[in-house]
C-alpha cells in the first residue's frame, strides 16, 4: 500500500546513529545544525531522503537527453554511429576526460549501439553540447530533437542544455557518493531537471512532475 507524504521517523538514539555514520561525516551536519547533535541526525536523514527522491527526475532527464543526442547522431552518422570513423575523428582526444577514448573503450565491450548508449559516461553526452558540434549536429537538428524548446537560436538552446546537464551531473555525482546536498538550491535543481525533460517531451515531463517526491520532501526539511 502506498502512503503519501510519509513523515520522517524520529531518531531514537542520535549518539549511536552518529557513531554508525562516522565522526567526520556527522561533523558536517553538526556544524550545519549549530552544534545540536539531534538536529544534525535529523538533517542527515532528510538529506538522504531528498537525495533518494531526486534520483527519479534525474533518471528521466539523463535518459531523455542522451536519447535525443543519440537520435541526432544516428541522423548524421547512421545507426552504427559509435563505429563511424568520421564521428570518432570529430571527438576531442585529450584532456582529463577524453571523449574519443571513452567511445573506443565502450564500443570494444558493447556490440550494439543501444548498449554503447547505455554505457557511455554521462559527461560524454554533456560534451556533445559544445560549440565544436554546433554546425555539424545542433544547428540542423536541435529543434527536431527538442521539439518543445522555446524558439530561438540553436546555439542558445545548445548552451542551455549544456549548462543544465552540468548542474545535473554535479548533483548526480553527489547523490551517487552520498554527499550532502542540503546546501544546494534544490528547488532550482528540480526545476531545471524537469524542464530539461520537457524540452524533449512534455508528456514525459508532466508524468515526472506527477510522480516526483522531491517537492514534498523539501517541505519537510528539519
N, C-alpha and C. Protein backbone atom coordinates (compact mmCIF):
# COMPACT_ATOMS: atom_id res chain seq x y z
N UNK A 1 0.85 -1.19 0.00
CA UNK A 1 0.00 0.00 0.00
C UNK A 1 0.88 1.23 0.00
N UNK A 2 0.55 2.22 -0.84
CA UNK A 2 1.33 3.46 -0.94
C UNK A 2 0.78 4.45 0.07
N UNK A 3 1.66 5.03 0.86
CA UNK A 3 1.27 6.06 1.83
C UNK A 3 1.92 7.37 1.41
N UNK A 4 1.09 8.35 1.07
CA UNK A 4 1.60 9.62 0.56
C UNK A 4 2.16 10.47 1.69
N UNK A 5 3.31 11.15 1.41
CA UNK A 5 3.91 12.09 2.35
C UNK A 5 4.15 11.47 3.72
N UNK A 6 4.75 10.29 3.73
CA UNK A 6 5.10 9.64 4.98
C UNK A 6 6.11 10.50 5.73
N UNK A 7 5.83 10.91 6.99
CA UNK A 7 6.77 11.76 7.71
C UNK A 7 8.05 11.01 8.06
N UNK A 8 9.12 11.76 8.25
CA UNK A 8 10.39 11.15 8.61
C UNK A 8 10.30 10.60 10.03
N UNK A 9 10.95 9.46 10.26
CA UNK A 9 10.97 8.86 11.59
C UNK A 9 11.89 9.66 12.50
N UNK A 10 11.53 9.74 13.77
CA UNK A 10 12.35 10.44 14.75
C UNK A 10 13.48 9.51 15.20
N UNK A 11 14.74 9.96 15.14
CA UNK A 11 15.85 9.10 15.59
C UNK A 11 15.73 8.81 17.08
N UNK A 12 15.86 7.53 17.45
CA UNK A 12 15.69 7.14 18.85
C UNK A 12 16.98 7.25 19.66
N UNK A 13 18.12 7.16 18.99
CA UNK A 13 19.40 7.26 19.70
C UNK A 13 20.40 7.94 18.77
N UNK A 14 20.44 9.27 18.84
CA UNK A 14 21.26 10.00 17.89
C UNK A 14 22.75 9.73 18.06
N UNK A 15 23.18 9.41 19.29
CA UNK A 15 24.60 9.14 19.53
C UNK A 15 25.03 7.88 18.80
N UNK A 16 24.23 6.83 18.88
CA UNK A 16 24.56 5.58 18.18
C UNK A 16 24.53 5.77 16.67
N UNK A 17 23.56 6.55 16.21
CA UNK A 17 23.46 6.79 14.77
C UNK A 17 24.68 7.56 14.28
N UNK A 18 25.11 8.58 15.03
CA UNK A 18 26.29 9.34 14.64
C UNK A 18 27.55 8.47 14.65
N UNK A 19 27.62 7.55 15.59
CA UNK A 19 28.77 6.63 15.64
C UNK A 19 28.77 5.72 14.41
N UNK A 20 27.59 5.33 13.98
CA UNK A 20 27.48 4.49 12.79
C UNK A 20 27.93 5.24 11.55
N UNK A 21 27.62 6.53 11.49
CA UNK A 21 27.92 7.32 10.30
C UNK A 21 29.36 7.76 10.22
N UNK A 22 30.07 7.79 11.34
CA UNK A 22 31.45 8.26 11.50
C UNK A 22 31.45 9.73 11.91
N UNK A 23 32.47 10.08 12.68
CA UNK A 23 32.56 11.44 13.20
C UNK A 23 32.76 12.45 12.08
N UNK A 24 33.57 12.10 11.10
CA UNK A 24 33.84 13.03 10.00
C UNK A 24 32.58 13.34 9.22
N UNK A 25 31.80 12.31 8.92
CA UNK A 25 30.56 12.51 8.16
C UNK A 25 29.54 13.27 9.00
N UNK A 26 29.43 12.93 10.27
CA UNK A 26 28.46 13.59 11.14
C UNK A 26 28.82 15.05 11.37
N UNK A 27 30.12 15.35 11.37
CA UNK A 27 30.57 16.70 11.68
C UNK A 27 29.99 17.76 10.76
N UNK A 28 29.85 17.44 9.48
CA UNK A 28 29.28 18.39 8.53
C UNK A 28 27.88 18.80 8.94
N UNK A 29 27.12 17.83 9.40
CA UNK A 29 25.72 18.08 9.76
C UNK A 29 25.61 18.73 11.13
N UNK A 30 26.50 18.40 12.05
CA UNK A 30 26.51 19.04 13.36
C UNK A 30 26.81 20.53 13.21
N UNK A 31 27.75 20.85 12.34
CA UNK A 31 28.07 22.27 12.10
C UNK A 31 26.87 22.99 11.50
N UNK A 32 26.20 22.34 10.55
CA UNK A 32 25.03 22.96 9.91
C UNK A 32 23.87 23.11 10.87
N UNK A 33 23.81 22.24 11.88
CA UNK A 33 22.73 22.29 12.86
C UNK A 33 23.09 23.12 14.08
N UNK A 34 24.14 23.91 13.97
CA UNK A 34 24.52 24.79 15.07
C UNK A 34 25.00 24.06 16.31
N UNK A 35 25.56 22.86 16.12
CA UNK A 35 26.09 22.09 17.23
C UNK A 35 25.09 21.19 17.91
N UNK A 36 23.85 21.18 17.44
CA UNK A 36 22.81 20.33 18.04
C UNK A 36 22.89 18.93 17.42
N UNK A 37 23.32 17.90 18.17
CA UNK A 37 23.52 16.57 17.58
C UNK A 37 22.22 15.91 17.11
N UNK A 38 21.11 16.14 17.82
CA UNK A 38 19.85 15.53 17.40
C UNK A 38 19.37 16.15 16.10
N UNK A 39 19.44 17.47 16.00
CA UNK A 39 19.05 18.13 14.75
C UNK A 39 19.98 17.72 13.62
N UNK A 40 21.23 17.48 13.93
CA UNK A 40 22.18 17.04 12.90
C UNK A 40 21.78 15.69 12.32
N UNK A 41 21.39 14.76 13.18
CA UNK A 41 20.96 13.45 12.70
C UNK A 41 19.67 13.58 11.89
N UNK A 42 18.77 14.42 12.33
CA UNK A 42 17.53 14.63 11.57
C UNK A 42 17.83 15.22 10.19
N UNK A 43 18.79 16.15 10.15
CA UNK A 43 19.19 16.75 8.87
C UNK A 43 19.83 15.70 7.97
N UNK A 44 20.64 14.82 8.56
CA UNK A 44 21.26 13.76 7.78
C UNK A 44 20.19 12.86 7.15
N UNK A 45 19.21 12.48 7.95
CA UNK A 45 18.13 11.65 7.42
C UNK A 45 17.38 12.34 6.31
N UNK A 46 17.11 13.63 6.51
CA UNK A 46 16.40 14.38 5.48
C UNK A 46 17.24 14.48 4.20
N UNK A 47 18.54 14.71 4.35
CA UNK A 47 19.43 14.79 3.19
C UNK A 47 19.39 13.47 2.40
N UNK A 48 19.37 12.36 3.12
CA UNK A 48 19.29 11.05 2.45
C UNK A 48 17.96 10.88 1.74
N UNK A 49 16.88 11.35 2.37
CA UNK A 49 15.56 11.21 1.75
C UNK A 49 15.42 12.06 0.50
N UNK A 50 15.89 13.32 0.55
CA UNK A 50 15.76 14.18 -0.62
C UNK A 50 16.69 13.70 -1.73
N UNK A 51 17.84 13.12 -1.36
CA UNK A 51 18.75 12.55 -2.36
C UNK A 51 18.08 11.39 -3.09
N UNK A 52 17.43 10.52 -2.33
CA UNK A 52 16.72 9.39 -2.95
C UNK A 52 15.60 9.90 -3.86
N UNK A 53 14.88 10.94 -3.41
CA UNK A 53 13.77 11.46 -4.21
C UNK A 53 14.26 12.05 -5.52
N UNK A 54 15.45 12.65 -5.52
CA UNK A 54 15.98 13.28 -6.73
C UNK A 54 16.37 12.25 -7.79
N UNK A 55 16.58 11.02 -7.40
CA UNK A 55 17.01 10.03 -8.39
C UNK A 55 15.98 9.83 -9.49
N UNK A 56 14.70 9.98 -9.17
CA UNK A 56 13.67 9.76 -10.20
C UNK A 56 13.71 10.83 -11.29
N UNK A 57 13.60 12.13 -10.96
CA UNK A 57 13.69 13.10 -12.05
C UNK A 57 15.06 13.10 -12.74
N UNK A 58 16.13 12.84 -11.99
CA UNK A 58 17.46 12.78 -12.61
C UNK A 58 17.53 11.65 -13.62
N UNK A 59 16.93 10.52 -13.28
CA UNK A 59 16.88 9.36 -14.18
C UNK A 59 16.26 9.74 -15.52
N UNK A 60 15.09 10.37 -15.46
CA UNK A 60 14.38 10.70 -16.70
C UNK A 60 15.09 11.79 -17.49
N UNK A 61 15.71 12.75 -16.80
CA UNK A 61 16.42 13.81 -17.51
C UNK A 61 17.62 13.26 -18.26
N UNK A 62 18.36 12.36 -17.61
CA UNK A 62 19.53 11.78 -18.27
C UNK A 62 19.12 10.92 -19.47
N UNK A 63 18.14 10.05 -19.26
CA UNK A 63 17.72 9.15 -20.33
C UNK A 63 17.17 9.93 -21.52
N UNK A 64 16.29 10.90 -21.25
CA UNK A 64 15.66 11.62 -22.35
C UNK A 64 16.67 12.44 -23.14
N UNK A 65 17.63 13.06 -22.45
CA UNK A 65 18.60 13.91 -23.15
C UNK A 65 19.60 13.07 -23.94
N UNK A 66 20.08 12.00 -23.35
CA UNK A 66 21.06 11.19 -24.09
C UNK A 66 20.39 10.51 -25.28
N UNK A 67 19.11 10.12 -25.16
CA UNK A 67 18.42 9.53 -26.30
C UNK A 67 18.20 10.54 -27.41
N UNK A 68 17.92 11.80 -27.02
CA UNK A 68 17.78 12.85 -28.02
C UNK A 68 19.10 13.04 -28.77
N UNK A 69 20.20 13.09 -28.03
CA UNK A 69 21.51 13.25 -28.67
C UNK A 69 21.84 12.04 -29.55
N UNK A 70 21.51 10.85 -29.08
CA UNK A 70 21.78 9.64 -29.87
C UNK A 70 20.95 9.64 -31.16
N UNK A 71 19.73 10.15 -31.09
CA UNK A 71 18.91 10.24 -32.30
C UNK A 71 19.54 11.17 -33.32
N UNK A 72 20.12 12.28 -32.85
CA UNK A 72 20.80 13.20 -33.76
C UNK A 72 22.04 12.54 -34.36
N UNK A 73 22.80 11.82 -33.54
CA UNK A 73 23.98 11.12 -34.06
C UNK A 73 23.59 10.10 -35.12
N UNK A 74 22.48 9.42 -34.90
CA UNK A 74 22.02 8.45 -35.91
C UNK A 74 21.62 9.15 -37.19
N UNK A 75 20.98 10.29 -37.09
CA UNK A 75 20.61 11.07 -38.28
C UNK A 75 21.84 11.46 -39.10
N UNK A 76 22.90 11.83 -38.39
CA UNK A 76 24.08 12.36 -39.08
C UNK A 76 25.03 11.25 -39.52
N UNK A 77 25.21 10.21 -38.66
CA UNK A 77 26.25 9.21 -38.91
C UNK A 77 25.72 7.80 -39.14
N UNK A 78 24.40 7.61 -39.07
CA UNK A 78 23.83 6.30 -39.31
C UNK A 78 23.62 5.51 -38.03
N UNK A 79 22.97 4.35 -38.16
CA UNK A 79 22.60 3.56 -36.99
C UNK A 79 23.81 3.01 -36.24
N UNK A 80 24.92 2.86 -36.94
CA UNK A 80 26.15 2.35 -36.29
C UNK A 80 27.12 3.49 -36.00
N UNK A 81 26.56 4.61 -35.55
CA UNK A 81 27.39 5.79 -35.33
C UNK A 81 28.55 5.57 -34.36
N UNK A 82 28.45 4.69 -33.36
CA UNK A 82 29.63 4.52 -32.49
C UNK A 82 30.85 4.00 -33.24
N UNK A 83 30.63 3.37 -34.41
CA UNK A 83 31.74 2.81 -35.18
C UNK A 83 32.06 3.66 -36.41
N UNK A 84 31.48 4.86 -36.47
CA UNK A 84 31.75 5.74 -37.61
C UNK A 84 33.11 6.41 -37.44
N UNK A 85 34.05 6.20 -38.38
CA UNK A 85 35.36 6.87 -38.29
C UNK A 85 35.24 8.40 -38.31
N UNK A 86 34.25 8.89 -39.05
CA UNK A 86 34.07 10.34 -39.13
C UNK A 86 33.64 10.91 -37.79
N UNK A 87 32.70 10.22 -37.14
CA UNK A 87 32.27 10.69 -35.83
C UNK A 87 33.40 10.58 -34.82
N UNK A 88 34.09 9.46 -34.84
CA UNK A 88 35.21 9.27 -33.92
C UNK A 88 36.24 10.39 -34.06
N UNK A 89 36.55 10.74 -35.30
CA UNK A 89 37.55 11.78 -35.55
C UNK A 89 37.08 13.16 -35.09
N UNK A 90 35.76 13.34 -34.97
CA UNK A 90 35.22 14.64 -34.56
C UNK A 90 35.33 14.86 -33.05
N UNK A 91 35.62 13.80 -32.30
CA UNK A 91 35.65 13.89 -30.84
C UNK A 91 37.01 14.35 -30.34
N UNK A 92 37.05 15.15 -29.28
CA UNK A 92 38.34 15.52 -28.69
C UNK A 92 39.10 14.28 -28.23
N UNK A 93 40.43 14.36 -28.31
CA UNK A 93 41.26 13.21 -27.97
C UNK A 93 42.31 13.59 -26.94
N UNK A 94 41.93 14.45 -26.01
CA UNK A 94 42.86 14.87 -24.97
C UNK A 94 42.06 15.38 -23.78
N UNK A 95 42.77 15.74 -22.72
CA UNK A 95 42.12 16.32 -21.55
C UNK A 95 41.89 15.29 -20.46
N UNK A 96 41.48 15.81 -19.31
CA UNK A 96 41.21 14.95 -18.15
C UNK A 96 40.15 13.90 -18.48
N UNK A 97 39.09 14.34 -19.18
CA UNK A 97 38.13 13.38 -19.72
C UNK A 97 38.31 13.37 -21.23
N UNK A 98 38.51 12.18 -21.80
CA UNK A 98 38.80 12.03 -23.21
C UNK A 98 37.61 11.34 -23.90
N UNK A 99 36.74 12.10 -24.58
CA UNK A 99 35.55 11.50 -25.19
C UNK A 99 35.86 10.43 -26.23
N UNK A 100 36.91 10.64 -27.03
CA UNK A 100 37.23 9.65 -28.05
C UNK A 100 37.64 8.32 -27.41
N UNK A 101 38.44 8.40 -26.37
CA UNK A 101 38.86 7.18 -25.70
C UNK A 101 37.67 6.49 -25.01
N UNK A 102 36.77 7.30 -24.44
CA UNK A 102 35.58 6.75 -23.81
C UNK A 102 34.76 5.97 -24.83
N UNK A 103 34.56 6.54 -26.02
CA UNK A 103 33.81 5.85 -27.07
C UNK A 103 34.54 4.58 -27.49
N UNK A 104 35.83 4.65 -27.71
CA UNK A 104 36.59 3.48 -28.13
C UNK A 104 36.50 2.35 -27.10
N UNK A 105 36.68 2.69 -25.85
CA UNK A 105 36.64 1.67 -24.79
C UNK A 105 35.24 1.07 -24.64
N UNK A 106 34.23 1.93 -24.75
CA UNK A 106 32.86 1.45 -24.54
C UNK A 106 32.41 0.53 -25.66
N UNK A 107 32.69 0.88 -26.89
CA UNK A 107 32.23 0.04 -28.00
C UNK A 107 33.02 -1.26 -28.09
N UNK A 108 34.21 -1.29 -27.48
CA UNK A 108 35.02 -2.52 -27.51
C UNK A 108 34.30 -3.66 -26.79
N UNK A 109 33.55 -3.32 -25.72
CA UNK A 109 32.90 -4.34 -24.91
C UNK A 109 31.39 -4.39 -25.10
N UNK A 110 30.86 -3.54 -25.98
CA UNK A 110 29.41 -3.50 -26.18
C UNK A 110 29.13 -3.53 -27.68
N UNK A 111 28.57 -4.64 -28.17
CA UNK A 111 28.50 -4.85 -29.61
C UNK A 111 27.35 -4.15 -30.32
N UNK A 112 26.41 -3.55 -29.58
CA UNK A 112 25.27 -2.89 -30.22
C UNK A 112 25.26 -1.41 -29.87
N UNK A 113 24.64 -0.63 -30.73
CA UNK A 113 24.53 0.81 -30.48
C UNK A 113 23.78 1.08 -29.19
N UNK A 114 22.72 0.33 -28.94
CA UNK A 114 21.95 0.52 -27.72
C UNK A 114 22.77 0.33 -26.46
N UNK A 115 23.62 -0.69 -26.47
CA UNK A 115 24.48 -0.94 -25.29
C UNK A 115 25.52 0.17 -25.13
N UNK A 116 26.05 0.66 -26.24
CA UNK A 116 27.01 1.76 -26.16
C UNK A 116 26.35 2.99 -25.56
N UNK A 117 25.14 3.31 -26.01
CA UNK A 117 24.41 4.45 -25.47
C UNK A 117 24.26 4.32 -23.96
N UNK A 118 23.91 3.15 -23.50
CA UNK A 118 23.67 2.93 -22.08
C UNK A 118 24.94 2.99 -21.25
N UNK A 119 26.09 2.66 -21.85
CA UNK A 119 27.33 2.54 -21.08
C UNK A 119 28.25 3.76 -21.15
N UNK A 120 28.05 4.63 -22.12
CA UNK A 120 28.88 5.82 -22.19
C UNK A 120 28.68 6.69 -20.95
N UNK A 121 29.72 7.36 -20.53
CA UNK A 121 29.64 8.19 -19.34
C UNK A 121 28.70 9.38 -19.55
N UNK A 122 28.11 9.84 -18.48
CA UNK A 122 27.21 10.99 -18.52
C UNK A 122 27.90 12.18 -19.19
N UNK A 123 29.16 12.40 -18.84
CA UNK A 123 29.88 13.56 -19.35
C UNK A 123 30.07 13.48 -20.86
N UNK A 124 30.08 12.28 -21.44
CA UNK A 124 30.18 12.15 -22.89
C UNK A 124 29.04 12.90 -23.56
N UNK A 125 27.84 12.70 -23.03
CA UNK A 125 26.66 13.34 -23.63
C UNK A 125 26.70 14.84 -23.41
N UNK A 126 27.11 15.26 -22.24
CA UNK A 126 27.20 16.69 -21.98
C UNK A 126 28.17 17.36 -22.95
N UNK A 127 29.32 16.73 -23.19
CA UNK A 127 30.35 17.32 -24.04
C UNK A 127 29.92 17.42 -25.50
N UNK A 128 28.89 16.67 -25.88
CA UNK A 128 28.39 16.82 -27.24
C UNK A 128 27.76 18.19 -27.47
N UNK A 129 27.28 18.81 -26.37
CA UNK A 129 26.58 20.09 -26.49
C UNK A 129 27.54 21.27 -26.35
N UNK A 130 28.66 21.18 -27.04
CA UNK A 130 29.65 22.26 -27.03
C UNK A 130 29.70 22.91 -28.41
N UNK A 131 30.36 24.05 -28.46
CA UNK A 131 30.43 24.83 -29.69
C UNK A 131 31.01 24.04 -30.86
N UNK A 132 31.94 23.13 -30.59
CA UNK A 132 32.58 22.40 -31.68
C UNK A 132 31.58 21.57 -32.50
N UNK A 133 30.42 21.24 -31.94
CA UNK A 133 29.43 20.44 -32.65
C UNK A 133 28.25 21.26 -33.15
N UNK A 134 28.33 22.58 -33.04
CA UNK A 134 27.20 23.43 -33.42
C UNK A 134 26.79 23.25 -34.88
N UNK A 135 27.75 23.37 -35.79
CA UNK A 135 27.43 23.30 -37.22
C UNK A 135 27.07 21.88 -37.63
N UNK A 136 27.80 20.92 -37.11
CA UNK A 136 27.65 19.52 -37.52
C UNK A 136 26.36 18.89 -36.99
N UNK A 137 26.06 19.16 -35.71
CA UNK A 137 24.94 18.47 -35.08
C UNK A 137 23.74 19.35 -34.77
N UNK A 138 24.01 20.49 -34.12
CA UNK A 138 22.90 21.17 -33.45
C UNK A 138 22.18 22.19 -34.30
N UNK A 139 22.87 22.98 -35.08
CA UNK A 139 22.16 23.95 -35.92
C UNK A 139 21.13 23.27 -36.82
N UNK A 140 21.46 22.13 -37.45
CA UNK A 140 20.47 21.47 -38.31
C UNK A 140 19.41 20.65 -37.56
N UNK A 141 19.72 20.19 -36.33
CA UNK A 141 18.88 19.13 -35.75
C UNK A 141 18.35 19.38 -34.35
N UNK A 142 18.79 20.43 -33.67
CA UNK A 142 18.42 20.55 -32.27
C UNK A 142 16.92 20.82 -32.09
N UNK A 143 16.32 21.57 -33.00
CA UNK A 143 14.87 21.84 -32.90
C UNK A 143 14.07 20.56 -33.10
N UNK A 144 14.57 19.69 -33.95
CA UNK A 144 13.91 18.39 -34.17
C UNK A 144 14.06 17.50 -32.94
N UNK A 145 15.23 17.50 -32.33
CA UNK A 145 15.49 16.62 -31.19
C UNK A 145 14.79 17.10 -29.92
N UNK A 146 14.59 18.42 -29.81
CA UNK A 146 13.95 19.00 -28.62
C UNK A 146 12.77 19.87 -29.07
N UNK A 147 11.69 19.22 -29.50
CA UNK A 147 10.60 19.96 -30.15
C UNK A 147 9.81 20.88 -29.23
N UNK A 148 9.94 20.74 -27.93
CA UNK A 148 9.20 21.58 -27.00
C UNK A 148 10.04 22.73 -26.45
N UNK A 149 11.21 22.92 -27.00
CA UNK A 149 12.07 24.02 -26.58
C UNK A 149 11.53 25.34 -27.13
N UNK A 150 11.76 26.45 -26.42
CA UNK A 150 11.36 27.76 -26.96
C UNK A 150 12.09 28.04 -28.27
N UNK A 151 11.45 28.77 -29.14
CA UNK A 151 12.10 29.13 -30.40
C UNK A 151 13.24 30.10 -30.13
N UNK A 152 14.26 30.02 -30.94
CA UNK A 152 15.42 30.89 -30.78
C UNK A 152 16.63 30.27 -31.43
N UNK A 153 17.78 30.91 -31.32
CA UNK A 153 19.00 30.39 -31.95
C UNK A 153 19.37 29.01 -31.40
N UNK A 154 19.85 28.16 -32.27
CA UNK A 154 20.24 26.81 -31.84
C UNK A 154 21.36 26.87 -30.81
N UNK A 155 22.28 27.83 -30.95
CA UNK A 155 23.40 27.93 -30.02
C UNK A 155 22.92 28.26 -28.61
N UNK A 156 21.87 29.07 -28.50
CA UNK A 156 21.33 29.42 -27.19
C UNK A 156 20.75 28.20 -26.51
N UNK A 157 19.98 27.41 -27.26
CA UNK A 157 19.39 26.19 -26.70
C UNK A 157 20.48 25.18 -26.37
N UNK A 158 21.44 25.04 -27.27
CA UNK A 158 22.53 24.09 -27.02
C UNK A 158 23.28 24.44 -25.74
N UNK A 159 23.57 25.71 -25.54
CA UNK A 159 24.28 26.12 -24.33
C UNK A 159 23.42 25.92 -23.09
N UNK A 160 22.12 26.18 -23.21
CA UNK A 160 21.23 25.93 -22.06
C UNK A 160 21.25 24.47 -21.66
N UNK A 161 21.17 23.58 -22.64
CA UNK A 161 21.19 22.15 -22.34
C UNK A 161 22.52 21.76 -21.71
N UNK A 162 23.61 22.30 -22.24
CA UNK A 162 24.93 22.00 -21.67
C UNK A 162 24.97 22.41 -20.20
N UNK A 163 24.50 23.61 -19.89
CA UNK A 163 24.54 24.11 -18.52
C UNK A 163 23.62 23.29 -17.61
N UNK A 164 22.43 22.94 -18.10
CA UNK A 164 21.52 22.11 -17.30
C UNK A 164 22.13 20.73 -17.03
N UNK A 165 22.79 20.16 -18.03
CA UNK A 165 23.44 18.88 -17.83
C UNK A 165 24.59 18.99 -16.84
N UNK A 166 25.27 20.13 -16.84
CA UNK A 166 26.36 20.31 -15.89
C UNK A 166 25.82 20.35 -14.45
N UNK A 167 24.70 21.06 -14.24
CA UNK A 167 24.06 21.08 -12.93
C UNK A 167 23.64 19.67 -12.53
N UNK A 168 23.00 18.98 -13.47
CA UNK A 168 22.52 17.63 -13.18
C UNK A 168 23.67 16.67 -12.91
N UNK A 169 24.76 16.78 -13.66
CA UNK A 169 25.90 15.88 -13.47
C UNK A 169 26.52 16.08 -12.09
N UNK A 170 26.69 17.34 -11.68
CA UNK A 170 27.27 17.61 -10.37
C UNK A 170 26.36 17.12 -9.24
N UNK A 171 25.06 17.35 -9.41
CA UNK A 171 24.11 16.86 -8.41
C UNK A 171 24.11 15.34 -8.38
N UNK A 172 24.09 14.73 -9.52
CA UNK A 172 24.06 13.27 -9.62
C UNK A 172 25.28 12.64 -8.96
N UNK A 173 26.44 13.27 -9.14
CA UNK A 173 27.66 12.75 -8.52
C UNK A 173 27.57 12.81 -7.00
N UNK A 174 26.99 13.87 -6.47
CA UNK A 174 26.84 13.97 -5.01
C UNK A 174 25.84 12.94 -4.51
N UNK A 175 24.78 12.74 -5.26
CA UNK A 175 23.80 11.73 -4.86
C UNK A 175 24.44 10.34 -4.85
N UNK A 176 25.21 10.04 -5.88
CA UNK A 176 25.80 8.71 -6.01
C UNK A 176 26.82 8.42 -4.91
N UNK A 177 27.47 9.47 -4.41
CA UNK A 177 28.50 9.30 -3.39
C UNK A 177 27.99 9.64 -1.99
N UNK A 178 26.67 9.78 -1.85
CA UNK A 178 26.05 10.00 -0.53
C UNK A 178 26.59 11.24 0.15
N UNK A 179 26.81 12.29 -0.64
CA UNK A 179 27.35 13.54 -0.12
C UNK A 179 26.22 14.49 0.27
N UNK A 180 26.52 15.49 1.10
CA UNK A 180 25.48 16.47 1.45
C UNK A 180 25.00 17.24 0.22
N UNK A 181 23.70 17.43 0.13
CA UNK A 181 23.12 18.28 -0.92
C UNK A 181 22.27 19.39 -0.31
N UNK A 182 22.21 19.44 1.02
CA UNK A 182 21.29 20.38 1.67
C UNK A 182 21.69 21.84 1.49
N UNK A 183 22.95 22.10 1.10
CA UNK A 183 23.38 23.47 0.87
C UNK A 183 23.07 23.95 -0.55
N UNK A 184 22.64 23.07 -1.42
CA UNK A 184 22.32 23.44 -2.79
C UNK A 184 20.96 24.13 -2.86
N UNK A 185 20.74 24.83 -3.96
CA UNK A 185 19.42 25.38 -4.24
C UNK A 185 18.58 24.26 -4.87
N UNK A 186 18.04 23.41 -4.03
CA UNK A 186 17.37 22.20 -4.51
C UNK A 186 16.09 22.49 -5.29
N UNK A 187 15.28 23.49 -4.92
CA UNK A 187 14.13 23.80 -5.78
C UNK A 187 14.55 24.17 -7.20
N UNK A 188 15.64 24.92 -7.33
CA UNK A 188 16.13 25.26 -8.66
C UNK A 188 16.66 24.03 -9.38
N UNK A 189 17.35 23.14 -8.66
CA UNK A 189 17.82 21.89 -9.26
C UNK A 189 16.64 21.09 -9.81
N UNK A 190 15.56 21.02 -9.07
CA UNK A 190 14.40 20.26 -9.52
C UNK A 190 13.77 20.90 -10.75
N UNK A 191 13.62 22.22 -10.72
CA UNK A 191 13.02 22.92 -11.86
C UNK A 191 13.84 22.70 -13.12
N UNK A 192 15.15 22.85 -13.01
CA UNK A 192 15.99 22.69 -14.19
C UNK A 192 15.97 21.25 -14.70
N UNK A 193 15.91 20.30 -13.79
CA UNK A 193 15.91 18.90 -14.19
C UNK A 193 14.63 18.55 -14.95
N UNK A 194 13.48 18.95 -14.42
CA UNK A 194 12.21 18.60 -15.07
C UNK A 194 12.02 19.42 -16.34
N UNK A 195 12.44 20.68 -16.33
CA UNK A 195 12.34 21.48 -17.56
C UNK A 195 13.21 20.90 -18.67
N UNK A 196 14.34 20.30 -18.32
CA UNK A 196 15.18 19.65 -19.32
C UNK A 196 14.44 18.49 -19.98
N UNK A 197 13.70 17.74 -19.20
CA UNK A 197 12.88 16.66 -19.76
C UNK A 197 11.83 17.23 -20.71
N UNK A 198 11.24 18.36 -20.32
CA UNK A 198 10.16 18.95 -21.13
C UNK A 198 10.64 19.41 -22.49
N UNK A 199 11.90 19.82 -22.60
CA UNK A 199 12.41 20.21 -23.91
C UNK A 199 12.26 19.07 -24.91
N UNK A 200 12.37 17.86 -24.44
CA UNK A 200 12.29 16.66 -25.29
C UNK A 200 10.85 16.20 -25.47
N UNK A 201 10.10 16.14 -24.34
CA UNK A 201 8.75 15.59 -24.43
C UNK A 201 7.91 16.07 -23.25
N UNK A 202 6.83 16.77 -23.53
CA UNK A 202 6.01 17.36 -22.47
C UNK A 202 5.21 16.30 -21.71
N UNK A 203 4.76 15.26 -22.38
CA UNK A 203 4.02 14.21 -21.68
C UNK A 203 4.90 13.54 -20.62
N UNK A 204 6.15 13.32 -20.97
CA UNK A 204 7.08 12.70 -20.01
C UNK A 204 7.35 13.63 -18.84
N UNK A 205 7.55 14.92 -19.10
CA UNK A 205 7.83 15.85 -18.00
C UNK A 205 6.61 15.98 -17.09
N UNK A 206 5.41 15.98 -17.66
CA UNK A 206 4.20 16.04 -16.83
C UNK A 206 4.07 14.79 -15.96
N UNK A 207 4.43 13.65 -16.51
CA UNK A 207 4.39 12.40 -15.75
C UNK A 207 5.39 12.44 -14.60
N UNK A 208 6.59 12.94 -14.87
CA UNK A 208 7.60 13.06 -13.82
C UNK A 208 7.14 14.03 -12.73
N UNK A 209 6.54 15.14 -13.12
CA UNK A 209 6.03 16.08 -12.12
C UNK A 209 4.98 15.43 -11.23
N UNK A 210 4.16 14.55 -11.82
CA UNK A 210 3.13 13.87 -11.03
C UNK A 210 3.72 12.82 -10.10
N UNK A 211 4.87 12.23 -10.48
CA UNK A 211 5.46 11.15 -9.70
C UNK A 211 6.44 11.63 -8.64
N UNK A 212 7.13 12.74 -8.90
CA UNK A 212 8.27 13.10 -8.06
C UNK A 212 7.85 13.41 -6.62
N UNK A 213 8.74 13.04 -5.68
CA UNK A 213 8.52 13.30 -4.25
C UNK A 213 9.44 14.38 -3.71
N UNK A 214 10.26 14.96 -4.57
CA UNK A 214 11.21 15.97 -4.10
C UNK A 214 10.47 17.13 -3.44
N UNK A 215 9.40 17.60 -4.07
CA UNK A 215 8.67 18.76 -3.57
C UNK A 215 8.17 18.55 -2.15
N UNK A 216 7.58 17.39 -1.90
CA UNK A 216 7.05 17.12 -0.57
C UNK A 216 8.16 16.95 0.46
N UNK A 217 9.27 16.33 0.06
CA UNK A 217 10.38 16.15 1.00
C UNK A 217 11.04 17.49 1.32
N UNK A 218 11.14 18.36 0.33
CA UNK A 218 11.70 19.69 0.58
C UNK A 218 10.91 20.44 1.65
N UNK A 219 9.60 20.26 1.64
CA UNK A 219 8.74 20.93 2.62
C UNK A 219 8.93 20.40 4.03
N UNK A 220 9.56 19.25 4.17
CA UNK A 220 9.73 18.61 5.49
C UNK A 220 11.14 18.80 6.04
N UNK A 221 11.91 19.72 5.46
CA UNK A 221 13.28 19.91 5.93
C UNK A 221 13.29 20.29 7.42
N UNK A 222 14.07 19.61 8.24
CA UNK A 222 14.11 19.92 9.68
C UNK A 222 14.81 21.26 9.94
